[in-house]
Amino acid sequence: MIDTNLLFNLESIKSILASILLNAKDIILAPLHDFDVFWTLLPVYVSWVQAEFFVEREGTSYANAFSNGFAMVWASANWLKYLIDNPSNSNNLKIIISILFVVYGIFVWINAYLGKKIAVLIGKQNLISFFVIVFSPYVFGIVDLSLSNLASMVLVFILIIILFSILKRILPEPAGIEEDG
């Protein structure tokens, strides 16, 4: 006999998962609704995919972490520029988030330069990309900063990391990596 409570719980879980995926879809597709967001996120998406399969295939180097820290500073400085240019879309939380990510990028820079292990842990392309992709639509006023949206993006981020891990095992190494040694 089928337990009806379990059946209702499965339906609830499916409903929650569908909601999470719809929220994530809205955040991921946010760049298509606003040129400022598109301008900020297009290079982030491209560099994330490129880094996963070419630059950081075996791990993050200090040079990569330094570059990724720059990307974080650039994106969050762009957020601040937008907030200054559009004070009606600005609020204290958006400004604080933007400043914190500028500091985060600078922290990665400094620690990468000094050769500190923390730089390669927090300066990974996928982590920097995640933060920029999640917070840009919020800063630009396209989506709300909600627990539901954050949970959605964390789940999708985990799924993307799993997908990239599988693809890196299946796909051959690019010839350029073999050539570089």
C-alpha atoms as a PDB file:
ATOM      1  CA  MET A   1       0.000   0.000   0.000  1.00  0.00           C
ATOM      2  CA  ILE A   2       1.268   3.502  -0.857  1.00  0.00           C
ATOM      3  CA  ASP A   3       1.633   5.944   1.997  1.00  0.00           C
ATOM      4  CA  THR A   4      -0.370   9.046   0.973  1.00  0.00           C
ATOM      5  CA  ASN A   5       1.704  11.278   3.269  1.00  0.00           C
ATOM      6  CA  LEU A   6       4.814  10.261   1.361  1.00  0.00           C
ATOM      7  CA  LEU A   7       3.031  10.957  -1.921  1.00  0.00           C
ATOM      8  CA  PHE A   8       2.089  14.466  -0.758  1.00  0.00           C
ATOM      9  CA  ASN A   9       5.625  15.041   0.452  1.00  0.00           C
ATOM     10  CA  LEU A  10       6.992  14.009  -2.955  1.00  0.00           C
ATOM     11  CA  GLU A  11       4.584  16.437  -4.618  1.00  0.00           C
ATOM     12  CA  SER A  12       5.731  19.181  -2.232  1.00  0.00           C
ATOM     13  CA  ILE A  13       9.358  18.427  -2.992  1.00  0.00           C
ATOM     14  CA  LYS A  14       8.670  18.503  -6.738  1.00  0.00           C
ATOM     15  CA  SER A  15       6.846  21.817  -6.329  1.00  0.00           C
ATOM     16  CA  ILE A  16       9.721  23.324  -4.341  1.00  0.00           C
ATOM     17  CA  LEU A  17      12.295  22.100  -6.874  1.00  0.00           C
ATOM     18  CA  ALA A  18      10.247  23.524  -9.753  1.00  0.00           C
ATOM     19  CA  SER A  19      10.037  26.867  -7.961  1.00  0.00           C
ATOM     20  CA  ILE A  20      13.787  26.872  -7.314  1.00  0.00           C
ATOM     21  CA  LEU A  21      14.562  26.128 -10.960  1.00  0.00           C
ATOM     22  CA  LEU A  22      12.167  28.844 -12.174  1.00  0.00           C
ATOM     23  CA  ASN A  23      13.798  31.387  -9.849  1.00  0.00           C
ATOM     24  CA  ALA A  24      17.240  30.373 -11.095  1.00  0.00           C
ATOM     25  CA  LYS A  25      16.100  30.634 -14.725  1.00  0.00           C
ATOM     26  CA  ASP A  26      14.919  34.211 -14.099  1.00  0.00           C
ATOM     27  CA  ILE A  27      18.268  35.168 -12.579  1.00  0.00           C
ATOM     28  CA  ILE A  28      20.317  33.449 -15.283  1.00  0.00           C
ATOM     29  CA  LEU A  29      18.264  35.063 -18.071  1.00  0.00           C
ATOM     30  CA  ALA A  30      18.235  38.498 -16.380  1.00  0.00           C
ATOM     31  CA  PRO A  31      20.960  39.859 -18.703  1.00  0.00           C
ATOM     32  CA  LEU A  32      18.521  39.623 -21.609  1.00  0.00           C
ATOM     33  CA  HIS A  33      16.213  42.195 -19.969  1.00  0.00           C
ATOM     34  CA  ASP A  34      18.681  45.010 -19.326  1.00  0.00           C
ATOM     35  CA  PHE A  35      21.734  46.085 -21.327  1.00  0.00           C
ATOM     36  CA  ASP A  36      23.683  47.094 -18.180  1.00  0.00           C
ATOM     37  CA  VAL A  37      23.261  43.607 -16.760  1.00  0.00           C
ATOM     38  CA  PHE A  38      24.054  42.030 -20.131  1.00  0.00           C
ATOM     39  CA  TRP A  39      27.212  44.168 -20.387  1.00  0.00           C
ATOM     40  CA  THR A  40      28.290  43.065 -16.924  1.00  0.00           C
ATOM     41  CA  LEU A  41      27.486  39.361 -17.205  1.00  0.00           C
ATOM     42  CA  LEU A  42      28.338  38.337 -20.768  1.00  0.00           C
ATOM     43  CA  PRO A  43      32.096  38.255 -20.150  1.00  0.00           C
ATOM     44  CA  VAL A  44      31.482  36.514 -16.819  1.00  0.00           C
ATOM     45  CA  TYR A  45      29.592  33.643 -18.450  1.00  0.00           C
ATOM     46  CA  VAL A  46      32.150  33.357 -21.265  1.00  0.00           C
ATOM     47  CA  SER A  47      35.177  33.486 -18.974  1.00  0.00           C
ATOM     48  CA  TRP A  48      33.622  30.983 -16.547  1.00  0.00           C
ATOM     49  CA  VAL A  49      33.101  28.369 -19.267  1.00  0.00           C
ATOM     50  CA  GLN A  50      36.517  29.112 -20.776  1.00  0.00           C
ATOM     51  CA  ALA A  51      38.206  28.841 -17.379  1.00  0.00           C
ATOM     52  CA  GLU A  52      36.486  25.589 -16.478  1.00  0.00           C
ATOM     53  CA  PHE A  53      37.666  23.818 -19.614  1.00  0.00           C
ATOM     54  CA  PHE A  54      40.954  25.526 -20.369  1.00  0.00           C
ATOM     55  CA  VAL A  55      42.524  27.776 -17.739  1.00  0.00           C
ATOM     56  CA  GLU A  56      41.488  26.199 -14.433  1.00  0.00           C
ATOM     57  CA  ARG A  57      40.912  22.664 -15.634  1.00  0.00           C
ATOM     58  CA  GLU A  58      43.358  21.269 -13.083  1.00  0.00           C
ATOM     59  CA  GLY A  59      42.962  24.006 -10.474  1.00  0.00           C
ATOM     60  CA  THR A  60      43.415  27.697  -9.855  1.00  0.00           C
ATOM     61  CA  SER A  61      46.872  29.203  -9.968  1.00  0.00           C
ATOM     62  CA  TYR A  62      47.849  32.386  -8.156  1.00  0.00           C
ATOM     63  CA  ALA A  63      47.906  34.219 -11.495  1.00  0.00           C
ATOM     64  CA  ASN A  64      44.362  33.024 -12.230  1.00  0.00           C
ATOM     65  CA  ALA A  65      43.203  34.025  -8.765  1.00  0.00           C
ATOM     66  CA  PHE A  66      44.721  37.471  -9.293  1.00  0.00           C
ATOM     67  CA  SER A  67      42.877  37.845 -12.608  1.00  0.00           C
ATOM     68  CA  ASN A  68      39.649  36.564 -11.091  1.00  0.00           C
ATOM     69  CA  GLY A  69      39.991  39.069  -8.250  1.00  0.00           C
ATOM     70  CA  PHE A  70      40.228  41.781 -10.891  1.00  0.00           C
ATOM     71  CA  ALA A  71      36.998  40.508 -12.469  1.00  0.00           C
ATOM     72  CA  MET A  72      35.286  40.770  -9.072  1.00  0.00           C
ATOM     73  CA  VAL A  73      36.568  44.311  -8.553  1.00  0.00           C
ATOM     74  CA  TRP A  74      35.507  45.285 -12.082  1.00  0.00           C
ATOM     75  CA  ALA A  75      31.983  43.883 -11.739  1.00  0.00           C
ATOM     76  CA  SER A  76      31.355  45.335  -8.292  1.00  0.00           C
ATOM     77  CA  ALA A  77      32.833  48.717  -9.293  1.00  0.00           C
ATOM     78  CA  ASN A  78      30.412  48.606 -12.244  1.00  0.00           C
ATOM     79  CA  TRP A  79      27.606  47.998  -9.735  1.00  0.00           C
ATOM     80  CA  LEU A  80      28.701  51.047  -7.748  1.00  0.00           C
ATOM     81  CA  LYS A  81      28.839  53.151 -10.920  1.00  0.00           C
ATOM     82  CA  TYR A  82      25.321  52.047 -11.797  1.00  0.00           C
ATOM     83  CA  LEU A  83      24.046  52.841  -8.294  1.00  0.00           C
ATOM     84  CA  ILE A  84      25.623  56.305  -8.379  1.00  0.00           C
ATOM     85  CA  ASP A  85      24.233  56.990 -11.865  1.00  0.00           C
ATOM     86  CA  ASN A  86      20.778  55.693 -10.859  1.00  0.00           C
ATOM     87  CA  PRO A  87      20.133  56.826  -7.278  1.00  0.00           C
ATOM     88  CA  SER A  88      16.444  55.871  -7.528  1.00  0.00           C
ATOM     89  CA  ASN A  89      17.517  52.211  -7.902  1.00  0.00           C
ATOM     90  CA  SER A  90      20.051  52.452  -5.095  1.00  0.00           C
ATOM     91  CA  ASN A  91      19.700  51.419  -1.467  1.00  0.00           C
ATOM     92  CA  ASN A  92      22.103  50.896   1.414  1.00  0.00           C
ATOM     93  CA  LEU A  93      22.181  47.108   1.054  1.00  0.00           C
ATOM     94  CA  LYS A  94      23.114  47.292  -2.644  1.00  0.00           C
ATOM     95  CA  ILE A  95      25.888  49.778  -1.874  1.00  0.00           C
ATOM     96  CA  ILE A  96      27.189  47.651   1.013  1.00  0.00           C
ATOM     97  CA  ILE A  97      27.150  44.475  -1.133  1.00  0.00           C
ATOM     98  CA  SER A  98      29.002  46.300  -3.918  1.00  0.00           C
ATOM     99  CA  ILE A  99      31.656  47.652  -1.560  1.00  0.00           C
ATOM    100  CA  LEU A 100      32.090  44.256   0.125  1.00  0.00           C
ATOM    101  CA  PHE A 101      32.736  42.610  -3.232  1.00  0.00           C
ATOM    102  CA  VAL A 102      35.253  45.312  -4.206  1.00  0.00           C
ATOM    103  CA  VAL A 103      37.036  44.522  -0.935  1.00  0.00           C
ATOM    104  CA  TYR A 104      36.721  40.790  -1.652  1.00  0.00           C
ATOM    105  CA  GLY A 105      38.376  41.222  -5.062  1.00  0.00           C
ATOM    106  CA  ILE A 106      41.168  43.334  -3.583  1.00  0.00           C
ATOM    107  CA  PHE A 107      41.650  40.728  -0.831  1.00  0.00           C
ATOM    108  CA  VAL A 108      42.076  38.054  -3.521  1.00  0.00           C
ATOM    109  CA  TRP A 109      44.561  40.302  -5.384  1.00  0.00           C
ATOM    110  CA  ILE A 110      46.697  40.922  -2.319  1.00  0.00           C
ATOM    111  CA  ASN A 111      46.734  37.290  -1.226  1.00  0.00           C
ATOM    112  CA  ALA A 112      47.467  36.025  -4.747  1.00  0.00           C
ATOM    113  CA  TYR A 113      50.374  38.455  -4.987  1.00  0.00           C
ATOM    114  CA  LEU A 114      51.659  37.281  -1.610  1.00  0.00           C
ATOM    115  CA  GLY A 115      51.232  33.610  -2.587  1.00  0.00           C
ATOM    116  CA  LYS A 116      48.763  32.844   0.194  1.00  0.00           C
ATOM    117  CA  LYS A 117      46.717  29.652  -0.244  1.00  0.00           C
ATOM    118  CA  ILE A 118      43.465  31.491   0.560  1.00  0.00           C
ATOM    119  CA  ALA A 119      43.744  33.293  -2.782  1.00  0.00           C
ATOM    120  CA  VAL A 120      43.437  30.086  -4.817  1.00  0.00           C
ATOM    121  CA  LEU A 121      40.568  28.897  -2.609  1.00  0.00           C
ATOM    122  CA  ILE A 122      38.403  32.046  -2.790  1.00  0.00           C
ATOM    123  CA  GLY A 123      39.722  33.331  -6.123  1.00  0.00           C
ATOM    124  CA  LYS A 124      38.368  30.496  -8.259  1.00  0.00           C
ATOM    125  CA  GLN A 125      36.641  31.555 -11.458  1.00  0.00           C
ATOM    126  CA  ASN A 126      33.494  29.587 -10.653  1.00  0.00           C
ATOM    127  CA  LEU A 127      33.107  31.243  -7.237  1.00  0.00           C
ATOM    128  CA  ILE A 128      33.716  34.759  -8.563  1.00  0.00           C
ATOM    129  CA  SER A 129      31.334  34.087 -11.463  1.00  0.00           C
ATOM    130  CA  PHE A 130      28.686  32.771  -9.098  1.00  0.00           C
ATOM    131  CA  PHE A 131      28.761  35.938  -6.992  1.00  0.00           C
ATOM    132  CA  VAL A 132      28.660  38.234 -10.013  1.00  0.00           C
ATOM    133  CA  ILE A 133      25.870  36.259 -11.715  1.00  0.00           C
ATOM    134  CA  VAL A 134      23.725  36.112  -8.573  1.00  0.00           C
ATOM    135  CA  PHE A 135      24.157  39.660  -7.324  1.00  0.00           C
ATOM    136  CA  SER A 136      24.178  41.631 -10.598  1.00  0.00           C
ATOM    137  CA  PRO A 137      20.450  41.174 -11.304  1.00  0.00           C
ATOM    138  CA  TYR A 138      19.734  42.256  -7.711  1.00  0.00           C
ATOM    139  CA  VAL A 139      21.951  45.345  -7.853  1.00  0.00           C
ATOM    140  CA  PHE A 140      20.459  46.346 -11.206  1.00  0.00           C
ATOM    141  CA  GLY A 141      16.943  45.930  -9.780  1.00  0.00           C
ATOM    142  CA  ILE A 142      15.763  43.026 -11.948  1.00  0.00           C
ATOM    143  CA  VAL A 143      15.264  40.469  -9.157  1.00  0.00           C
ATOM    144  CA  ASP A 144      14.768  40.704  -5.419  1.00  0.00           C
ATOM    145  CA  LEU A 145      17.366  39.510  -2.975  1.00  0.00           C
ATOM    146  CA  SER A 146      15.375  36.761  -1.326  1.00  0.00           C
ATOM    147  CA  LEU A 147      16.203  33.537   0.400  1.00  0.00           C
ATOM    148  CA  SER A 148      14.324  31.707  -2.344  1.00  0.00           C
ATOM    149  CA  ASN A 149      16.424  33.325  -5.099  1.00  0.00           C
ATOM    150  CA  LEU A 150      19.676  32.654  -3.235  1.00  0.00           C
ATOM    151  CA  ALA A 151      18.696  29.026  -2.603  1.00  0.00           C
ATOM    152  CA  SER A 152      17.818  28.668  -6.271  1.00  0.00           C
ATOM    153  CA  MET A 153      21.174  29.939  -7.417  1.00  0.00           C
ATOM    154  CA  VAL A 154      23.128  27.835  -4.936  1.00  0.00           C
ATOM    155  CA  LEU A 155      21.333  24.722  -6.163  1.00  0.00           C
ATOM    156  CA  VAL A 156      21.896  25.613  -9.815  1.00  0.00           C
ATOM    157  CA  PHE A 157      25.536  26.489  -9.070  1.00  0.00           C
ATOM    158  CA  ILE A 158      26.043  23.045  -7.545  1.00  0.00           C
ATOM    159  CA  LEU A 159      24.370  21.403 -10.548  1.00  0.00           C
ATOM    160  CA  ILE A 160      26.566  23.402 -12.967  1.00  0.00           C
ATOM    161  CA  ILE A 161      29.724  22.438 -11.066  1.00  0.00           C
ATOM    162  CA  ILE A 162      28.662  18.772 -11.232  1.00  0.00           C
ATOM    163  CA  LEU A 163      27.910  19.090 -14.963  1.00  0.00           C
ATOM    164  CA  PHE A 164      31.269  20.785 -15.632  1.00  0.00           C
ATOM    165  CA  SER A 165      33.053  18.060 -13.616  1.00  0.00           C
ATOM    166  CA  ILE A 166      31.395  15.352 -15.677  1.00  0.00           C
ATOM    167  CA  LEU A 167      32.162  17.132 -18.960  1.00  0.00           C
ATOM    168  CA  LYS A 168      35.817  17.624 -17.970  1.00  0.00           C
ATOM    169  CA  ARG A 169      36.104  13.867 -17.407  1.00  0.00           C
ATOM    170  CA  ILE A 170      34.390  13.016 -20.686  1.00  0.00           C
ATOM    171  CA  LEU A 171      35.903  15.626 -23.007  1.00  0.00           C
ATOM    172  CA  PRO A 172      39.558  15.355 -24.013  1.00  0.00           C
ATOM    173  CA  GLU A 173      41.987  17.934 -22.759  1.00  0.00           C
ATOM    174  CA  PRO A 174      42.383  20.864 -25.162  1.00  0.00           C
ATOM    175  CA  ALA A 175      45.507  20.559 -27.323  1.00  0.00           C
ATOM    176  CA  GLY A 176      46.761  23.899 -25.987  1.00  0.00           C
ATOM    177  CA  ILE A 177      46.959  22.532 -22.455  1.00  0.00           C
ATOM    178  CA  GLU A 178      48.931  19.513 -23.634  1.00  0.00           C
ATOM    179  CA  GLU A 179      51.211  21.849 -25.620  1.00  0.00           C
ATOM    180  CA  ASP A 180      51.812  24.078 -22.567  1.00  0.00           C
ATOM    181  CA  GLY A 181      52.715  21.014 -20.519  1.00  0.00           C
END
